[in-house]
Amino acid sequence: MKGGDRPAALKVVRSNEGKVLMDDVRDAVAVMRQAEDDLLRRRADESEASSRTAILSILLPALIGAVLICIVFLPEPTKSPRSQRAPESWPNSRERLRTTLASIGDAVISTDTEGRITN
């Protein structure tokens, strides 16, 4: 209080008006602080989940790519069924080629076993 009105100042202090007002302010601040702490905790959880998703989005495709590269570039077995059949088909190819070359002066049409034209 300005002007030195001591009795009036004492009356305000004794009425606890200031304390009640300050307690209300402290309660409001505590509520706001709790709300902000909850919001910060929720955002931190969301950030952590987003970080895990980002890492998974990078590592999973990389792992899949590495597996596919390994599958594509693995060496073939030395004796595949196709390579085993190749020596057996040589006599047939050789005979077909000999027949075709012997008949080169004629109009020659070569067909497979199902009647489809091959040459």
C-alpha atoms as a PDB file:
ATOM      1  CA  MET A   1       0.000   0.000   0.000  1.00  0.00           C
ATOM      2  CA  LYS A   2       1.298   3.334  -0.959  1.00  0.00           C
ATOM      3  CA  GLY A   3       1.036   6.246   1.396  1.00  0.00           C
ATOM      4  CA  GLY A   4       1.995   4.357   4.552  1.00  0.00           C
ATOM      5  CA  ASP A   5      -1.454   3.221   5.653  1.00  0.00           C
ATOM      6  CA  ARG A   6      -0.181   0.621   8.034  1.00  0.00           C
ATOM      7  CA  PRO A   7      -3.526  -0.491   9.523  1.00  0.00           C
ATOM      8  CA  ALA A   8      -4.968  -1.092   6.056  1.00  0.00           C
ATOM      9  CA  ALA A   9      -1.884  -3.114   5.055  1.00  0.00           C
ATOM     10  CA  LEU A  10      -2.115  -5.243   8.184  1.00  0.00           C
ATOM     11  CA  LYS A  11      -5.789  -5.848   7.478  1.00  0.00           C
ATOM     12  CA  VAL A  12      -4.939  -7.213   3.984  1.00  0.00           C
ATOM     13  CA  VAL A  13      -2.162  -9.424   5.379  1.00  0.00           C
ATOM     14  CA  ARG A  14      -4.335 -10.814   8.159  1.00  0.00           C
ATOM     15  CA  SER A  15      -7.231 -11.574   5.847  1.00  0.00           C
ATOM     16  CA  ASN A  16      -5.067 -14.197   4.024  1.00  0.00           C
ATOM     17  CA  GLU A  17      -6.309 -12.825   0.707  1.00  0.00           C
ATOM     18  CA  GLY A  18      -2.780 -12.880  -0.722  1.00  0.00           C
ATOM     19  CA  LYS A  19      -2.103 -16.428   0.475  1.00  0.00           C
ATOM     20  CA  VAL A  20      -5.346 -17.723  -0.992  1.00  0.00           C
ATOM     21  CA  LEU A  21      -4.591 -16.003  -4.277  1.00  0.00           C
ATOM     22  CA  MET A  22      -1.024 -17.390  -4.294  1.00  0.00           C
ATOM     23  CA  ASP A  23      -2.274 -20.910  -3.495  1.00  0.00           C
ATOM     24  CA  ASP A  24      -4.673 -20.676  -6.439  1.00  0.00           C
ATOM     25  CA  VAL A  25      -1.822 -19.587  -8.710  1.00  0.00           C
ATOM     26  CA  ARG A  26       0.367 -22.453  -7.462  1.00  0.00           C
ATOM     27  CA  ASP A  27      -2.451 -24.958  -8.115  1.00  0.00           C
ATOM     28  CA  ALA A  28      -2.963 -23.621 -11.655  1.00  0.00           C
ATOM     29  CA  VAL A  29       0.783 -23.814 -12.335  1.00  0.00           C
ATOM     30  CA  ALA A  30       0.901 -27.402 -11.021  1.00  0.00           C
ATOM     31  CA  VAL A  31      -1.976 -28.406 -13.321  1.00  0.00           C
ATOM     32  CA  MET A  32      -0.269 -26.755 -16.315  1.00  0.00           C
ATOM     33  CA  ARG A  33       3.072 -28.395 -15.439  1.00  0.00           C
ATOM     34  CA  GLN A  34       1.420 -31.833 -15.211  1.00  0.00           C
ATOM     35  CA  ALA A  35      -0.287 -31.312 -18.580  1.00  0.00           C
ATOM     36  CA  GLU A  36       3.023 -30.277 -20.168  1.00  0.00           C
ATOM     37  CA  ASP A  37       4.853 -33.251 -18.621  1.00  0.00           C
ATOM     38  CA  ASP A  38       2.185 -35.620 -19.976  1.00  0.00           C
ATOM     39  CA  LEU A  39       2.430 -34.027 -23.421  1.00  0.00           C
ATOM     40  CA  LEU A  40       6.229 -34.267 -23.373  1.00  0.00           C
ATOM     41  CA  ARG A  41       6.098 -37.936 -22.325  1.00  0.00           C
ATOM     42  CA  ARG A  42       3.578 -38.739 -25.072  1.00  0.00           C
ATOM     43  CA  ARG A  43       5.697 -36.980 -27.712  1.00  0.00           C
ATOM     44  CA  ALA A  44       8.831 -38.792 -26.525  1.00  0.00           C
ATOM     45  CA  ASP A  45       7.001 -42.140 -26.859  1.00  0.00           C
ATOM     46  CA  GLU A  46       5.800 -41.209 -30.354  1.00  0.00           C
ATOM     47  CA  SER A  47       9.322 -40.172 -31.315  1.00  0.00           C
ATOM     48  CA  GLU A  48      10.741 -43.473 -30.062  1.00  0.00           C
ATOM     49  CA  ALA A  49       8.129 -45.450 -32.010  1.00  0.00           C
ATOM     50  CA  SER A  50       8.827 -43.396 -35.124  1.00  0.00           C
ATOM     51  CA  SER A  51      12.551 -44.014 -34.716  1.00  0.00           C
ATOM     52  CA  ARG A  52      12.014 -47.784 -34.456  1.00  0.00           C
ATOM     53  CA  THR A  53       9.805 -47.702 -37.553  1.00  0.00           C
ATOM     54  CA  ALA A  54      12.426 -45.768 -39.505  1.00  0.00           C
ATOM     55  CA  ILE A  55      15.189 -48.193 -38.523  1.00  0.00           C
ATOM     56  CA  LEU A  56      12.998 -51.161 -39.414  1.00  0.00           C
ATOM     57  CA  SER A  57      12.105 -49.516 -42.746  1.00  0.00           C
ATOM     58  CA  ILE A  58      15.804 -49.303 -43.555  1.00  0.00           C
ATOM     59  CA  LEU A  59      17.051 -52.628 -42.211  1.00  0.00           C
ATOM     60  CA  LEU A  60      14.263 -54.913 -43.430  1.00  0.00           C
ATOM     61  CA  PRO A  61      14.579 -54.013 -47.144  1.00  0.00           C
ATOM     62  CA  ALA A  62      18.375 -54.162 -46.823  1.00  0.00           C
ATOM     63  CA  LEU A  63      18.140 -57.643 -45.334  1.00  0.00           C
ATOM     64  CA  ILE A  64      15.693 -58.795 -48.007  1.00  0.00           C
ATOM     65  CA  GLY A  65      17.975 -57.346 -50.705  1.00  0.00           C
ATOM     66  CA  ALA A  66      21.015 -59.116 -49.261  1.00  0.00           C
ATOM     67  CA  VAL A  67      19.159 -62.441 -49.197  1.00  0.00           C
ATOM     68  CA  LEU A  68      17.994 -61.983 -52.796  1.00  0.00           C
ATOM     69  CA  ILE A  69      21.523 -61.114 -53.918  1.00  0.00           C
ATOM     70  CA  CYS A  70      22.844 -64.239 -52.205  1.00  0.00           C
ATOM     71  CA  ILE A  71      20.177 -66.357 -53.887  1.00  0.00           C
ATOM     72  CA  VAL A  72      20.876 -64.893 -57.325  1.00  0.00           C
ATOM     73  CA  PHE A  73      24.639 -65.177 -57.131  1.00  0.00           C
ATOM     74  CA  LEU A  74      24.986 -68.538 -55.409  1.00  0.00           C
ATOM     75  CA  PRO A  75      27.064 -70.895 -57.548  1.00  0.00           C
ATOM     76  CA  GLU A  76      25.070 -73.516 -59.392  1.00  0.00           C
ATOM     77  CA  PRO A  77      25.584 -77.140 -58.494  1.00  0.00           C
ATOM     78  CA  THR A  78      28.221 -78.712 -60.725  1.00  0.00           C
ATOM     79  CA  LYS A  79      25.915 -81.402 -62.065  1.00  0.00           C
ATOM     80  CA  SER A  80      22.570 -79.883 -62.918  1.00  0.00           C
ATOM     81  CA  PRO A  81      19.989 -81.994 -64.769  1.00  0.00           C
ATOM     82  CA  ARG A  82      20.460 -79.813 -67.836  1.00  0.00           C
ATOM     83  CA  SER A  83      24.221 -80.362 -67.939  1.00  0.00           C
ATOM     84  CA  GLN A  84      23.678 -84.100 -67.456  1.00  0.00           C
ATOM     85  CA  ARG A  85      21.304 -84.231 -70.421  1.00  0.00           C
ATOM     86  CA  ALA A  86      23.611 -82.311 -72.731  1.00  0.00           C
ATOM     87  CA  PRO A  87      25.952 -85.247 -73.552  1.00  0.00           C
ATOM     88  CA  GLU A  88      22.939 -87.461 -74.217  1.00  0.00           C
ATOM     89  CA  SER A  89      21.482 -85.000 -76.730  1.00  0.00           C
ATOM     90  CA  TRP A  90      24.728 -84.744 -78.755  1.00  0.00           C
ATOM     91  CA  PRO A  91      24.091 -87.841 -80.892  1.00  0.00           C
ATOM     92  CA  ASN A  92      20.558 -86.659 -81.713  1.00  0.00           C
ATOM     93  CA  SER A  93      21.755 -83.168 -82.638  1.00  0.00           C
ATOM     94  CA  ARG A  94      24.648 -84.550 -84.613  1.00  0.00           C
ATOM     95  CA  GLU A  95      22.382 -86.909 -86.590  1.00  0.00           C
ATOM     96  CA  ARG A  96      19.852 -84.159 -87.273  1.00  0.00           C
ATOM     97  CA  LEU A  97      22.586 -81.811 -88.458  1.00  0.00           C
ATOM     98  CA  ARG A  98      24.089 -84.524 -90.711  1.00  0.00           C
ATOM     99  CA  THR A  99      20.698 -85.245 -92.260  1.00  0.00           C
ATOM    100  CA  THR A 100      20.021 -81.556 -92.810  1.00  0.00           C
ATOM    101  CA  LEU A 101      23.401 -80.958 -94.437  1.00  0.00           C
ATOM    102  CA  ALA A 102      23.040 -84.038 -96.672  1.00  0.00           C
ATOM    103  CA  SER A 103      19.694 -82.715 -97.906  1.00  0.00           C
ATOM    104  CA  ILE A 104      20.848 -79.119 -98.369  1.00  0.00           C
ATOM    105  CA  GLY A 105      20.164 -79.153-102.109  1.00  0.00           C
ATOM    106  CA  ASP A 106      16.511 -80.003-101.519  1.00  0.00           C
ATOM    107  CA  ALA A 107      13.861 -77.875 -99.885  1.00  0.00           C
ATOM    108  CA  VAL A 108      14.258 -79.085 -96.318  1.00  0.00           C
ATOM    109  CA  ILE A 109      11.951 -78.394 -93.398  1.00  0.00           C
ATOM    110  CA  SER A 110      13.085 -79.654 -90.008  1.00  0.00           C
ATOM    111  CA  THR A 111      10.472 -80.381 -87.379  1.00  0.00           C
ATOM    112  CA  ASP A 112      10.584 -81.532 -83.794  1.00  0.00           C
ATOM    113  CA  THR A 113       8.872 -84.656 -82.451  1.00  0.00           C
ATOM    114  CA  GLU A 114       5.576 -82.788 -82.125  1.00  0.00           C
ATOM    115  CA  GLY A 115       5.579 -81.628 -85.730  1.00  0.00           C
ATOM    116  CA  ARG A 116       6.560 -77.996 -85.103  1.00  0.00           C
ATOM    117  CA  ILE A 117       8.902 -76.496 -87.676  1.00  0.00           C
ATOM    118  CA  THR A 118      12.347 -75.780 -86.241  1.00  0.00           C
ATOM    119  CA  ASN A 119      14.283 -74.910 -89.464  1.00  0.00           C
END
